[in-house]
Protein backbone atom coordinates (compact mmCIF):
# COMPACT_ATOMS: atom_id res chain seq x y z
CA MET A 1 -13.02 -21.88 -34.21
CA GLY A 2 -12.84 -20.36 -30.76
CA LYS A 3 -10.93 -23.37 -29.42
CA LEU A 4 -8.32 -23.02 -32.19
CA VAL A 5 -7.85 -19.35 -31.34
CA GLN A 6 -7.49 -20.18 -27.63
CA LYS A 7 -4.92 -22.88 -28.43
CA PHE A 8 -2.75 -21.10 -31.00
CA VAL A 9 -3.10 -17.35 -30.41
CA PRO A 10 -1.15 -16.04 -27.39
CA ALA A 11 -3.40 -14.71 -24.61
CA ASN A 12 -1.76 -11.26 -24.76
CA HIS A 13 -2.39 -10.94 -28.53
CA PRO A 14 -5.48 -8.84 -29.33
CA PHE A 15 -8.04 -10.86 -31.25
CA SER A 16 -11.43 -9.54 -32.27
CA PRO A 17 -14.31 -12.03 -32.53
CA MET A 18 -15.03 -13.34 -36.01
CA LYS A 19 -18.17 -12.20 -37.78
CA ASP A 20 -20.77 -14.83 -38.66
CA GLN A 21 -20.26 -14.23 -42.39
CA ASN A 22 -16.55 -15.04 -42.02
CA ILE A 23 -17.19 -18.13 -39.90
CA GLU A 24 -19.49 -19.50 -42.61
CA LYS A 25 -16.59 -19.30 -45.09
CA THR A 26 -14.07 -20.95 -42.75
CA ALA A 27 -12.99 -24.58 -42.88
CA VAL A 28 -10.85 -26.43 -40.38
CA ALA A 29 -8.87 -29.49 -41.43
CA LYS A 30 -7.07 -31.96 -39.21
CA ILE A 31 -3.93 -33.50 -40.67
CA VAL A 32 -2.68 -36.71 -39.08
CA VAL A 33 0.96 -37.56 -39.76
CA GLU A 34 1.53 -41.31 -39.52
CA SER A 35 5.27 -41.13 -39.97
CA MET A 36 7.92 -38.62 -40.85
CA SER A 37 11.50 -38.91 -41.99
CA GLY A 38 14.17 -36.55 -43.09
CA LYS A 39 17.37 -34.93 -42.03
CA VAL A 40 18.23 -31.90 -39.98
CA ASN A 41 19.56 -28.97 -41.97
CA VAL A 42 21.76 -26.51 -40.14
CA LEU A 43 20.68 -22.94 -40.85
CA SER A 44 23.13 -21.00 -42.95
CA PRO A 45 23.13 -17.28 -43.85
CA SER A 46 21.41 -18.19 -47.13
CA HIS A 47 18.30 -19.47 -45.30
CA THR A 48 15.31 -17.18 -45.00
CA VAL A 49 13.72 -17.30 -41.56
CA LEU A 50 10.02 -16.41 -41.47
CA LEU A 51 8.79 -15.37 -38.06
CA SER A 52 5.34 -16.23 -36.83
CA ARG A 53 2.95 -13.31 -37.08
CA PHE A 54 2.48 -13.73 -33.33
CA HIS A 55 6.23 -13.58 -32.62
CA VAL A 56 7.01 -10.81 -30.17
CA GLN A 57 9.86 -8.64 -31.44
CA LYS A 58 12.32 -7.45 -28.78
């Protein structure tokens, strides 16, 4: 779990260590994508953009 936090949580983002009881309830899954297809959609005003919870607001 610690390696995932190091990889995906920005270094300047405060992160308190997980408690053992929470780690016991945590699962990590690896998803391997063999191929992907699709088209690019240009964002329009009707799209909702969800920011990452780690996104720094200016």
